[in-house]
C-alpha atoms as a PDB file:
ATOM      1  CA  UNK A   1      86.888-225.765-143.823  1.00  0.00           C
ATOM      2  CA  UNK A   2      86.394-222.089-143.233  1.00  0.00           C
ATOM      3  CA  UNK A   3      89.156-219.624-143.994  1.00  0.00           C
ATOM      4  CA  UNK A   4      89.302-216.728-141.550  1.00  0.00           C
ATOM      5  CA  UNK A   5      91.380-213.613-142.083  1.00  0.00           C
ATOM      6  CA  UNK A   6      93.305-212.377-139.087  1.00  0.00           C
ATOM      7  CA  UNK A   7      93.544-208.737-137.978  1.00  0.00           C
ATOM      8  CA  UNK A   8      95.625-206.483-140.205  1.00  0.00           C
ATOM      9  CA  UNK A   9      95.140-202.933-138.999  1.00  0.00           C
ATOM     10  CA  UNK A  10      98.817-201.999-138.795  1.00  0.00           C
ATOM     11  CA  UNK A  11      98.356-198.589-140.452  1.00  0.00           C
ATOM     12  CA  UNK A  12      95.359-197.524-138.354  1.00  0.00           C
ATOM     13  CA  UNK A  13      96.455-194.673-136.022  1.00  0.00           C
ATOM     14  CA  UNK A  14      94.059-195.797-133.287  1.00  0.00           C
ATOM     15  CA  UNK A  15      91.810-198.745-132.559  1.00  0.00           C
ATOM     16  CA  UNK A  16      88.569-198.873-134.550  1.00  0.00           C
ATOM     17  CA  UNK A  17      85.281-198.231-132.782  1.00  0.00           C
ATOM     18  CA  UNK A  18      82.931-201.170-132.128  1.00  0.00           C
ATOM     19  CA  UNK A  19      80.555-199.983-134.843  1.00  0.00           C
ATOM     20  CA  UNK A  20      83.406-199.707-137.333  1.00  0.00           C
ATOM     21  CA  UNK A  21      84.480-203.262-136.566  1.00  0.00           C
ATOM     22  CA  UNK A  22      80.914-204.489-136.937  1.00  0.00           C
ATOM     23  CA  UNK A  23      80.339-202.455-140.088  1.00  0.00           C
ATOM     24  CA  UNK A  24      83.524-203.844-141.631  1.00  0.00           C
ATOM     25  CA  UNK A  25      82.353-207.398-141.129  1.00  0.00           C
ATOM     26  CA  UNK A  26      78.754-206.682-142.147  1.00  0.00           C
ATOM     27  CA  UNK A  27      79.892-204.925-145.314  1.00  0.00           C
ATOM     28  CA  UNK A  28      81.698-208.055-146.503  1.00  0.00           C
ATOM     29  CA  UNK A  29      81.085-210.973-144.139  1.00  0.00           C
ATOM     30  CA  UNK A  30      82.577-213.525-146.478  1.00  0.00           C
ATOM     31  CA  UNK A  31      85.485-211.190-147.140  1.00  0.00           C
ATOM     32  CA  UNK A  32      86.495-211.598-143.501  1.00  0.00           C
ATOM     33  CA  UNK A  33      86.311-215.353-143.998  1.00  0.00           C
ATOM     34  CA  UNK A  34      87.994-215.662-147.377  1.00  0.00           C
ATOM     35  CA  UNK A  35      86.288-215.942-150.750  1.00  0.00           C
ATOM     36  CA  UNK A  36      87.061-218.549-153.398  1.00  0.00           C
ATOM     37  CA  UNK A  37      88.758-220.960-151.004  1.00  0.00           C
ATOM     38  CA  UNK A  38      86.134-221.060-148.230  1.00  0.00           C
ATOM     39  CA  UNK A  39      85.192-224.623-147.326  1.00  0.00           C
ATOM     40  CA  UNK A  40      83.632-226.595-144.516  1.00  0.00           C
ATOM     41  CA  UNK A  41      85.611-229.822-144.256  1.00  0.00           C
ATOM     42  CA  UNK A  42      84.137-233.114-143.085  1.00  0.00           C
ATOM     43  CA  UNK A  43      85.817-236.502-142.730  1.00  0.00           C
ATOM     44  CA  UNK A  44      85.026-239.841-141.152  1.00  0.00           C
ATOM     45  CA  UNK A  45      87.255-240.191-138.086  1.00  0.00           C
ATOM     46  CA  UNK A  46      86.906-243.956-137.788  1.00  0.00           C
ATOM     47  CA  UNK A  47      90.382-245.355-137.151  1.00  0.00           C
ATOM     48  CA  UNK A  48      91.987-241.927-136.735  1.00  0.00           C
ATOM     49  CA  UNK A  49      94.424-241.688-133.776  1.00  0.00           C
ATOM     50  CA  UNK A  50      93.090-239.663-130.868  1.00  0.00           C
ATOM     51  CA  UNK A  51      94.365-236.075-130.742  1.00  0.00           C
ATOM     52  CA  UNK A  52      95.061-235.717-134.479  1.00  0.00           C
ATOM     53  CA  UNK A  53      94.981-232.009-135.405  1.00  0.00           C
ATOM     54  CA  UNK A  54      94.547-232.625-139.122  1.00  0.00           C
ATOM     55  CA  UNK A  55      91.094-233.973-140.064  1.00  0.00           C
ATOM     56  CA  UNK A  56      92.119-237.249-141.650  1.00  0.00           C
ATOM     57  CA  UNK A  57      90.379-240.518-142.330  1.00  0.00           C
ATOM     58  CA  UNK A  58      87.938-240.855-145.202  1.00  0.00           C
ATOM     59  CA  UNK A  59      87.304-237.332-146.525  1.00  0.00           C
ATOM     60  CA  UNK A  60      83.994-236.235-147.957  1.00  0.00           C
ATOM     61  CA  UNK A  61      83.528-233.596-150.671  1.00  0.00           C
ATOM     62  CA  UNK A  62      83.965-230.246-148.911  1.00  0.00           C
ATOM     63  CA  UNK A  63      81.255-227.638-148.608  1.00  0.00           C
ATOM     64  CA  UNK A  64      82.344-224.445-150.357  1.00  0.00           C
ATOM     65  CA  UNK A  65      81.103-221.383-148.509  1.00  0.00           C
ATOM     66  CA  UNK A  66      81.338-219.472-151.771  1.00  0.00           C
ATOM     67  CA  UNK A  67      78.396-221.559-152.944  1.00  0.00           C
ATOM     68  CA  UNK A  68      76.320-220.986-149.811  1.00  0.00           C
ATOM     69  CA  UNK A  69      73.087-219.065-149.731  1.00  0.00           C
ATOM     70  CA  UNK A  70      73.116-216.580-146.833  1.00  0.00           C
ATOM     71  CA  UNK A  71      70.315-214.854-144.969  1.00  0.00           C
ATOM     72  CA  UNK A  72      69.542-211.153-145.127  1.00  0.00           C
ATOM     73  CA  UNK A  73      71.852-209.541-142.586  1.00  0.00           C
ATOM     74  CA  UNK A  74      69.322-206.823-141.758  1.00  0.00           C
ATOM     75  CA  UNK A  75      67.081-209.484-140.187  1.00  0.00           C
ATOM     76  CA  UNK A  76      69.708-210.486-137.604  1.00  0.00           C
ATOM     77  CA  UNK A  77      71.482-207.188-136.946  1.00  0.00           C
ATOM     78  CA  UNK A  78      71.116-206.328-133.268  1.00  0.00           C
ATOM     79  CA  UNK A  79      72.161-202.776-132.496  1.00  0.00           C
ATOM     80  CA  UNK A  80      71.697-203.271-128.753  1.00  0.00           C
ATOM     81  CA  UNK A  81      74.294-206.051-128.528  1.00  0.00           C
ATOM     82  CA  UNK A  82      76.364-204.883-131.524  1.00  0.00           C
ATOM     83  CA  UNK A  83      75.993-208.298-133.122  1.00  0.00           C
ATOM     84  CA  UNK A  84      74.974-209.841-136.425  1.00  0.00           C
ATOM     85  CA  UNK A  85      74.395-213.440-137.504  1.00  0.00           C
ATOM     86  CA  UNK A  86      75.158-214.777-140.971  1.00  0.00           C
ATOM     87  CA  UNK A  87      73.239-218.026-141.432  1.00  0.00           C
ATOM     88  CA  UNK A  88      73.632-220.086-144.571  1.00  0.00           C
ATOM     89  CA  UNK A  89      73.395-223.414-146.312  1.00  0.00           C
ATOM     90  CA  UNK A  90      74.626-224.770-149.664  1.00  0.00           C
ATOM     91  CA  UNK A  91      72.628-223.500-152.593  1.00  0.00           C
ATOM     92  CA  UNK A  92      72.922-226.961-154.098  1.00  0.00           C
ATOM     93  CA  UNK A  93      72.418-229.726-151.533  1.00  0.00           C
ATOM     94  CA  UNK A  94      71.319-232.881-153.375  1.00  0.00           C
ATOM     95  CA  UNK A  95      71.923-235.126-150.360  1.00  0.00           C
ATOM     96  CA  UNK A  96      69.803-232.887-148.120  1.00  0.00           C
ATOM     97  CA  UNK A  97      72.459-232.679-145.404  1.00  0.00           C
ATOM     98  CA  UNK A  98      71.417-229.101-144.615  1.00  0.00           C
ATOM     99  CA  UNK A  99      67.673-229.752-144.914  1.00  0.00           C
ATOM    100  CA  UNK A 100      67.189-229.246-141.168  1.00  0.00           C
ATOM    101  CA  UNK A 101      70.395-227.412-140.329  1.00  0.00           C
ATOM    102  CA  UNK A 102      72.690-224.526-141.167  1.00  0.00           C
ATOM    103  CA  UNK A 103      76.075-222.946-140.602  1.00  0.00           C
ATOM    104  CA  UNK A 104      75.912-219.723-138.586  1.00  0.00           C
ATOM    105  CA  UNK A 105      78.618-217.068-138.163  1.00  0.00           C
ATOM    106  CA  UNK A 106      77.892-214.643-135.353  1.00  0.00           C
ATOM    107  CA  UNK A 107      79.995-211.493-135.188  1.00  0.00           C
ATOM    108  CA  UNK A 108      79.832-209.282-132.116  1.00  0.00           C
ATOM    109  CA  UNK A 109      81.612-206.034-131.299  1.00  0.00           C
ATOM    110  CA  UNK A 110      81.934-204.601-127.803  1.00  0.00           C
ATOM    111  CA  UNK A 111      81.629-201.117-126.351  1.00  0.00           C
ATOM    112  CA  UNK A 112      83.860-201.862-123.371  1.00  0.00           C
ATOM    113  CA  UNK A 113      85.711-204.501-121.390  1.00  0.00           C
ATOM    114  CA  UNK A 114      83.995-207.601-120.062  1.00  0.00           C
ATOM    115  CA  UNK A 115      83.136-211.223-120.698  1.00  0.00           C
ATOM    116  CA  UNK A 116      80.268-212.912-122.563  1.00  0.00           C
ATOM    117  CA  UNK A 117      77.676-214.734-120.481  1.00  0.00           C
ATOM    118  CA  UNK A 118      78.433-218.193-121.927  1.00  0.00           C
ATOM    119  CA  UNK A 119      81.694-220.168-121.968  1.00  0.00           C
ATOM    120  CA  UNK A 120      84.455-219.910-122.908  1.00  0.00           C
ATOM    121  CA  UNK A 121      83.887-216.297-121.735  1.00  0.00           C
ATOM    122  CA  UNK A 122      86.946-214.764-123.367  1.00  0.00           C
ATOM    123  CA  UNK A 123      88.007-211.464-121.833  1.00  0.00           C
ATOM    124  CA  UNK A 124      87.483-208.675-124.376  1.00  0.00           C
ATOM    125  CA  UNK A 125      87.985-204.937-124.761  1.00  0.00           C
ATOM    126  CA  UNK A 126      86.360-202.298-126.958  1.00  0.00           C
ATOM    127  CA  UNK A 127      89.089-202.915-129.570  1.00  0.00           C
ATOM    128  CA  UNK A 128      88.040-206.513-130.166  1.00  0.00           C
ATOM    129  CA  UNK A 129      85.228-208.454-131.763  1.00  0.00           C
ATOM    130  CA  UNK A 130      84.154-212.058-131.351  1.00  0.00           C
ATOM    131  CA  UNK A 131      83.444-214.572-134.093  1.00  0.00           C
ATOM    132  CA  UNK A 132      81.292-217.544-133.133  1.00  0.00           C
ATOM    133  CA  UNK A 133      80.944-220.455-135.559  1.00  0.00           C
ATOM    134  CA  UNK A 134      77.956-222.740-135.031  1.00  0.00           C
ATOM    135  CA  UNK A 135      77.053-225.849-137.006  1.00  0.00           C
ATOM    136  CA  UNK A 136      73.632-227.161-136.003  1.00  0.00           C
ATOM    137  CA  UNK A 137      71.206-229.703-137.390  1.00  0.00           C
ATOM    138  CA  UNK A 138      73.394-230.702-140.333  1.00  0.00           C
ATOM    139  CA  UNK A 139      73.286-234.430-141.082  1.00  0.00           C
ATOM    140  CA  UNK A 140      76.820-235.881-141.024  1.00  0.00           C
ATOM    141  CA  UNK A 141      77.818-238.129-143.880  1.00  0.00           C
ATOM    142  CA  UNK A 142      79.564-240.610-141.619  1.00  0.00           C
ATOM    143  CA  UNK A 143      78.899-242.286-138.291  1.00  0.00           C
ATOM    144  CA  UNK A 144      81.864-240.491-136.723  1.00  0.00           C
ATOM    145  CA  UNK A 145      82.239-237.351-138.802  1.00  0.00           C
ATOM    146  CA  UNK A 146      84.553-234.684-137.468  1.00  0.00           C
ATOM    147  CA  UNK A 147      84.480-231.119-138.732  1.00  0.00           C
ATOM    148  CA  UNK A 148      87.403-228.729-138.956  1.00  0.00           C
ATOM    149  CA  UNK A 149      88.277-225.148-139.786  1.00  0.00           C
ATOM    150  CA  UNK A 150      91.315-223.944-141.671  1.00  0.00           C
ATOM    151  CA  UNK A 151      92.240-220.510-140.396  1.00  0.00           C
ATOM    152  CA  UNK A 152      94.237-218.418-142.882  1.00  0.00           C
ATOM    153  CA  UNK A 153      95.822-215.218-141.607  1.00  0.00           C
ATOM    154  CA  UNK A 154      97.376-212.213-143.301  1.00  0.00           C
ATOM    155  CA  UNK A 155     100.985-211.651-142.332  1.00  0.00           C
ATOM    156  CA  UNK A 156     102.572-208.281-141.584  1.00  0.00           C
ATOM    157  CA  UNK A 157     105.972-209.341-142.903  1.00  0.00           C
ATOM    158  CA  UNK A 158     107.815-212.346-144.297  1.00  0.00           C
ATOM    159  CA  UNK A 159     107.206-214.359-141.118  1.00  0.00           C
ATOM    160  CA  UNK A 160     103.994-215.820-139.759  1.00  0.00           C
ATOM    161  CA  UNK A 161     102.313-214.367-136.673  1.00  0.00           C
ATOM    162  CA  UNK A 162     103.703-215.554-133.354  1.00  0.00           C
ATOM    163  CA  UNK A 163     101.754-218.424-131.792  1.00  0.00           C
ATOM    164  CA  UNK A 164     101.649-218.665-128.008  1.00  0.00           C
ATOM    165  CA  UNK A 165     100.058-220.903-125.419  1.00  0.00           C
ATOM    166  CA  UNK A 166      99.167-219.381-122.063  1.00  0.00           C
ATOM    167  CA  UNK A 167      98.490-221.638-119.091  1.00  0.00           C
ATOM    168  CA  UNK A 168      96.757-220.813-115.834  1.00  0.00           C
ATOM    169  CA  UNK A 169      95.500-222.555-112.701  1.00  0.00           C
ATOM    170  CA  UNK A 170      92.211-220.639-112.991  1.00  0.00           C
ATOM    171  CA  UNK A 171      89.330-222.344-114.813  1.00  0.00           C
ATOM    172  CA  UNK A 172      86.414-220.407-113.315  1.00  0.00           C
ATOM    173  CA  UNK A 173      85.296-218.946-116.667  1.00  0.00           C
ATOM    174  CA  UNK A 174      85.934-222.113-118.724  1.00  0.00           C
ATOM    175  CA  UNK A 175      85.686-225.186-116.454  1.00  0.00           C
ATOM    176  CA  UNK A 176      88.451-227.764-116.945  1.00  0.00           C
ATOM    177  CA  UNK A 177      90.177-225.564-119.568  1.00  0.00           C
ATOM    178  CA  UNK A 178      93.494-224.172-118.319  1.00  0.00           C
ATOM    179  CA  UNK A 179      94.927-223.015-121.659  1.00  0.00           C
ATOM    180  CA  UNK A 180      94.521-219.959-123.867  1.00  0.00           C
ATOM    181  CA  UNK A 181      95.904-219.964-127.420  1.00  0.00           C
ATOM    182  CA  UNK A 182      96.728-216.781-129.270  1.00  0.00           C
ATOM    183  CA  UNK A 183      98.353-215.352-132.378  1.00  0.00           C
ATOM    184  CA  UNK A 184     100.201-212.039-132.194  1.00  0.00           C
ATOM    185  CA  UNK A 185     100.913-209.750-135.151  1.00  0.00           C
ATOM    186  CA  UNK A 186     104.088-207.683-134.777  1.00  0.00           C
ATOM    187  CA  UNK A 187     106.320-207.186-131.761  1.00  0.00           C
ATOM    188  CA  UNK A 188     104.154-204.465-130.176  1.00  0.00           C
ATOM    189  CA  UNK A 189     101.777-206.295-131.028  1.00  0.00           C
ATOM    190  CA  UNK A 190      99.483-204.554-133.513  1.00  0.00           C
ATOM    191  CA  UNK A 191      96.796-207.237-133.498  1.00  0.00           C
ATOM    192  CA  UNK A 192      95.868-210.539-131.928  1.00  0.00           C
ATOM    193  CA  UNK A 193      93.634-213.566-132.167  1.00  0.00           C
ATOM    194  CA  UNK A 194      92.632-215.552-129.080  1.00  0.00           C
ATOM    195  CA  UNK A 195      90.678-218.728-128.439  1.00  0.00           C
ATOM    196  CA  UNK A 196      90.428-221.494-125.896  1.00  0.00           C
ATOM    197  CA  UNK A 197      91.034-225.063-127.115  1.00  0.00           C
ATOM    198  CA  UNK A 198      87.464-226.111-126.478  1.00  0.00           C
ATOM    199  CA  UNK A 199      84.213-226.349-128.444  1.00  0.00           C
ATOM    200  CA  UNK A 200      80.744-227.344-127.287  1.00  0.00           C
ATOM    201  CA  UNK A 201      78.216-229.913-128.470  1.00  0.00           C
ATOM    202  CA  UNK A 202      75.213-228.347-126.715  1.00  0.00           C
ATOM    203  CA  UNK A 203      73.720-224.873-126.555  1.00  0.00           C
ATOM    204  CA  UNK A 204      74.031-224.841-122.748  1.00  0.00           C
ATOM    205  CA  UNK A 205      77.833-225.129-123.083  1.00  0.00           C
ATOM    206  CA  UNK A 206      78.358-226.952-119.847  1.00  0.00           C
ATOM    207  CA  UNK A 207      81.363-228.962-118.815  1.00  0.00           C
ATOM    208  CA  UNK A 208      79.664-232.186-119.929  1.00  0.00           C
ATOM    209  CA  UNK A 209      79.273-230.839-123.481  1.00  0.00           C
ATOM    210  CA  UNK A 210      82.887-229.689-123.933  1.00  0.00           C
ATOM    211  CA  UNK A 211      84.756-231.009-126.972  1.00  0.00           C
ATOM    212  CA  UNK A 212      88.490-230.983-127.453  1.00  0.00           C
ATOM    213  CA  UNK A 213      89.939-228.576-130.002  1.00  0.00           C
ATOM    214  CA  UNK A 214      93.285-229.470-131.570  1.00  0.00           C
ATOM    215  CA  UNK A 215      95.330-226.931-133.511  1.00  0.00           C
ATOM    216  CA  UNK A 216      98.035-227.779-136.017  1.00  0.00           C
ATOM    217  CA  UNK A 217     101.272-225.834-136.385  1.00  0.00           C
ATOM    218  CA  UNK A 218     101.120-222.465-138.149  1.00  0.00           C
ATOM    219  CA  UNK A 219     102.759-222.618-141.568  1.00  0.00           C
ATOM    220  CA  UNK A 220     103.126-220.373-144.647  1.00  0.00           C
ATOM    221  CA  UNK A 221     100.688-221.035-147.426  1.00  0.00           C
ATOM    222  CA  UNK A 222      99.917-219.785-150.910  1.00  0.00           C
ATOM    223  CA  UNK A 223      98.304-216.393-151.380  1.00  0.00           C
ATOM    224  CA  UNK A 224      94.539-216.282-151.685  1.00  0.00           C
ATOM    225  CA  UNK A 225      92.489-213.755-153.582  1.00  0.00           C
ATOM    226  CA  UNK A 226      91.269-210.911-151.427  1.00  0.00           C
ATOM    227  CA  UNK A 227      87.600-209.960-151.589  1.00  0.00           C
ATOM    228  CA  UNK A 228      86.686-207.119-153.923  1.00  0.00           C
ATOM    229  CA  UNK A 229      85.066-205.081-151.146  1.00  0.00           C
ATOM    230  CA  UNK A 230      86.727-201.624-151.048  1.00  0.00           C
ATOM    231  CA  UNK A 231      86.307-201.526-147.262  1.00  0.00           C
ATOM    232  CA  UNK A 232      88.218-204.789-146.817  1.00  0.00           C
ATOM    233  CA  UNK A 233      90.911-203.704-149.272  1.00  0.00           C
ATOM    234  CA  UNK A 234      91.282-200.395-147.427  1.00  0.00           C
ATOM    235  CA  UNK A 235      91.985-202.256-144.205  1.00  0.00           C
ATOM    236  CA  UNK A 236      93.969-205.225-145.483  1.00  0.00           C
ATOM    237  CA  UNK A 237      95.713-203.783-148.531  1.00  0.00           C
ATOM    238  CA  UNK A 238      97.222-206.329-150.911  1.00  0.00           C
ATOM    239  CA  UNK A 239      99.673-208.479-148.946  1.00  0.00           C
ATOM    240  CA  UNK A 240     101.069-211.558-150.633  1.00  0.00           C
ATOM    241  CA  UNK A 241     102.061-213.677-147.650  1.00  0.00           C
ATOM    242  CA  UNK A 242      99.608-215.867-145.819  1.00  0.00           C
ATOM    243  CA  UNK A 243      99.861-218.392-143.013  1.00  0.00           C
ATOM    244  CA  UNK A 244      97.381-221.068-142.054  1.00  0.00           C
ATOM    245  CA  UNK A 245      96.619-223.689-139.448  1.00  0.00           C
ATOM    246  CA  UNK A 246      93.887-226.246-138.881  1.00  0.00           C
ATOM    247  CA  UNK A 247      91.459-226.611-136.027  1.00  0.00           C
ATOM    248  CA  UNK A 248      89.730-229.958-135.443  1.00  0.00           C
ATOM    249  CA  UNK A 249      86.867-230.448-133.003  1.00  0.00           C
ATOM    250  CA  UNK A 250      86.181-233.586-130.999  1.00  0.00           C
ATOM    251  CA  UNK A 251      88.067-236.848-130.642  1.00  0.00           C
ATOM    252  CA  UNK A 252      87.710-239.850-132.983  1.00  0.00           C
ATOM    253  CA  UNK A 253      86.455-241.959-130.084  1.00  0.00           C
ATOM    254  CA  UNK A 254      83.984-239.321-128.900  1.00  0.00           C
ATOM    255  CA  UNK A 255      82.348-237.235-127.774  1.00  0.00           C
ATOM    256  CA  UNK A 256      81.796-235.423-131.054  1.00  0.00           C
ATOM    257  CA  UNK A 257      79.402-233.622-133.330  1.00  0.00           C
ATOM    258  CA  UNK A 258      77.517-236.850-134.047  1.00  0.00           C
ATOM    259  CA  UNK A 259      76.178-236.968-130.475  1.00  0.00           C
ATOM    260  CA  UNK A 260      73.893-233.908-130.596  1.00  0.00           C
ATOM    261  CA  UNK A 261      74.367-232.653-134.173  1.00  0.00           C
ATOM    262  CA  UNK A 262      75.584-229.384-132.691  1.00  0.00           C
ATOM    263  CA  UNK A 263      78.984-227.695-132.664  1.00  0.00           C
ATOM    264  CA  UNK A 264      79.954-224.235-131.461  1.00  0.00           C
ATOM    265  CA  UNK A 265      83.375-222.588-131.258  1.00  0.00           C
ATOM    266  CA  UNK A 266      84.384-218.957-130.785  1.00  0.00           C
ATOM    267  CA  UNK A 267      87.465-216.782-131.096  1.00  0.00           C
ATOM    268  CA  UNK A 268      88.428-213.176-130.411  1.00  0.00           C
ATOM    269  CA  UNK A 269      89.990-210.776-132.930  1.00  0.00           C
ATOM    270  CA  UNK A 270      91.384-207.440-131.846  1.00  0.00           C
ATOM    271  CA  UNK A 271      93.917-204.672-132.318  1.00  0.00           C
ATOM    272  CA  UNK A 272      96.710-203.697-129.981  1.00  0.00           C
ATOM    273  CA  UNK A 273      97.818-205.720-126.973  1.00  0.00           C
ATOM    274  CA  UNK A 274      95.543-208.637-126.063  1.00  0.00           C
ATOM    275  CA  UNK A 275      93.801-208.560-122.684  1.00  0.00           C
ATOM    276  CA  UNK A 276      95.408-210.677-119.982  1.00  0.00           C
ATOM    277  CA  UNK A 277      93.376-212.845-117.620  1.00  0.00           C
ATOM    278  CA  UNK A 278      94.002-212.188-113.947  1.00  0.00           C
ATOM    279  CA  UNK A 279      93.234-214.695-111.207  1.00  0.00           C
ATOM    280  CA  UNK A 280      89.560-214.571-110.294  1.00  0.00           C
ATOM    281  CA  UNK A 281      88.463-213.560-106.762  1.00  0.00           C
ATOM    282  CA  UNK A 282      87.288-217.125-106.152  1.00  0.00           C
ATOM    283  CA  UNK A 283      90.712-218.584-106.936  1.00  0.00           C
ATOM    284  CA  UNK A 284      92.446-215.872-104.900  1.00  0.00           C
ATOM    285  CA  UNK A 285      90.187-216.698-101.960  1.00  0.00           C
ATOM    286  CA  UNK A 286      90.928-220.416-102.247  1.00  0.00           C
ATOM    287  CA  UNK A 287      94.660-219.719-102.437  1.00  0.00           C
ATOM    288  CA  UNK A 288      94.474-217.436 -99.415  1.00  0.00           C
ATOM    289  CA  UNK A 289      92.688-220.095 -97.392  1.00  0.00           C
ATOM    290  CA  UNK A 290      95.003-222.869 -98.601  1.00  0.00           C
ATOM    291  CA  UNK A 291      98.161-220.877 -97.858  1.00  0.00           C
ATOM    292  CA  UNK A 292      96.870-219.108 -94.769  1.00  0.00           C
ATOM    293  CA  UNK A 293      95.507-222.117 -92.893  1.00  0.00           C
ATOM    294  CA  UNK A 294      98.931-223.787 -92.325  1.00  0.00           C
ATOM    295  CA  UNK A 295     100.308-220.449 -91.141  1.00  0.00           C
ATOM    296  CA  UNK A 296      97.484-220.012 -88.657  1.00  0.00           C
ATOM    297  CA  UNK A 297      98.008-223.557 -87.386  1.00  0.00           C
ATOM    298  CA  UNK A 298     101.733-222.929 -86.878  1.00  0.00           C
ATOM    299  CA  UNK A 299     101.048-219.608 -85.183  1.00  0.00           C
ATOM    300  CA  UNK A 300      98.481-221.150 -82.884  1.00  0.00           C
ATOM    301  CA  UNK A 301     100.796-224.040 -82.035  1.00  0.00           C
ATOM    302  CA  UNK A 302     103.624-221.645 -81.256  1.00  0.00           C
ATOM    303  CA  UNK A 303     101.446-219.565 -78.932  1.00  0.00           C
ATOM    304  CA  UNK A 304     100.249-222.696 -77.157  1.00  0.00           C
ATOM    305  CA  UNK A 305     103.814-223.862 -76.542  1.00  0.00           C
ATOM    306  CA  UNK A 306     104.864-220.441 -75.264  1.00  0.00           C
ATOM    307  CA  UNK A 307     101.950-220.220 -72.817  1.00  0.00           C
ATOM    308  CA  UNK A 308     102.544-223.756 -71.636  1.00  0.00           C
ATOM    309  CA  UNK A 309     106.242-223.049 -71.064  1.00  0.00           C
ATOM    310  CA  UNK A 310     105.355-219.898 -69.103  1.00  0.00           C
ATOM    311  CA  UNK A 311     103.028-221.837 -66.810  1.00  0.00           C
ATOM    312  CA  UNK A 312     105.771-224.364 -66.013  1.00  0.00           C
ATOM    313  CA  UNK A 313     108.341-221.608 -65.396  1.00  0.00           C
ATOM    314  CA  UNK A 314     106.083-219.904 -62.786  1.00  0.00           C
ATOM    315  CA  UNK A 315     105.685-223.092 -60.761  1.00  0.00           C
ATOM    316  CA  UNK A 316     107.424-222.980 -57.297  1.00  0.00           C
ATOM    317  CA  UNK A 317     108.189-226.037 -55.256  1.00  0.00           C
ATOM    318  CA  UNK A 318     106.701-226.145 -51.703  1.00  0.00           C
ATOM    319  CA  UNK A 319     109.977-227.574 -50.469  1.00  0.00           C
END
């Protein structure tokens, strides 16, 4: 279970630059993901009803990210793509579950609007950054182990952020996924979090490797200790209200992490109004053809009837 802090830049007069966003995360990567309560949760999903958002079944001892050993960030910092990868494993792993695997957190900022090359290809702006969570090569402790994330967000008032589901007929950028989930902070809004309810069990991230992603309802939760980083405290302050929800990947009956020992999921964090997906040119072209073809058929039929009627009206009897 990994606790992720949502955007809380309400006092910032303007959106932070991509390098500021990246520097904030690099200065305290675990501060963006919680501190003492960070955990990767694993449970055996045997006998769990399909579609359950809460990882239930037989639980295993959680992996505390506070006890992870992380790589040197300078080795994975890519200034060209404005990205950094935090790769870690438990410092104490007696069972050897992470002997050939690791948990990776990739953070990427953007200098402009666009979409990543791989699904789910979330539309981003320069005021957003993407967090990609990848679990690879880790030996599950059960035959049907499912992994989940608990996402804890900072609230801007007594209420939790607003949760919304957006639906579309366009799945060009994420095949067979017609939904976009998001959290909005404030009425303006001042910040947002977006993700598609899909994860992937292969690096290629094709349609055949898509895993379902179930989210539980957002609910208030107890306050957690903020990281001691002065940069994080300058941005987040000291709020005392938190909300949380769970994300669970895969179905109990499969497919799941146990198939390829690989799991990847990504989300978008940003300030201001979230970007809105417009219909792609491909879908617009299909709609134009689908709607235009019947009209052309009717128009052609009408012209044919008019010409035929004119020919009959010009006929003169020889009598």
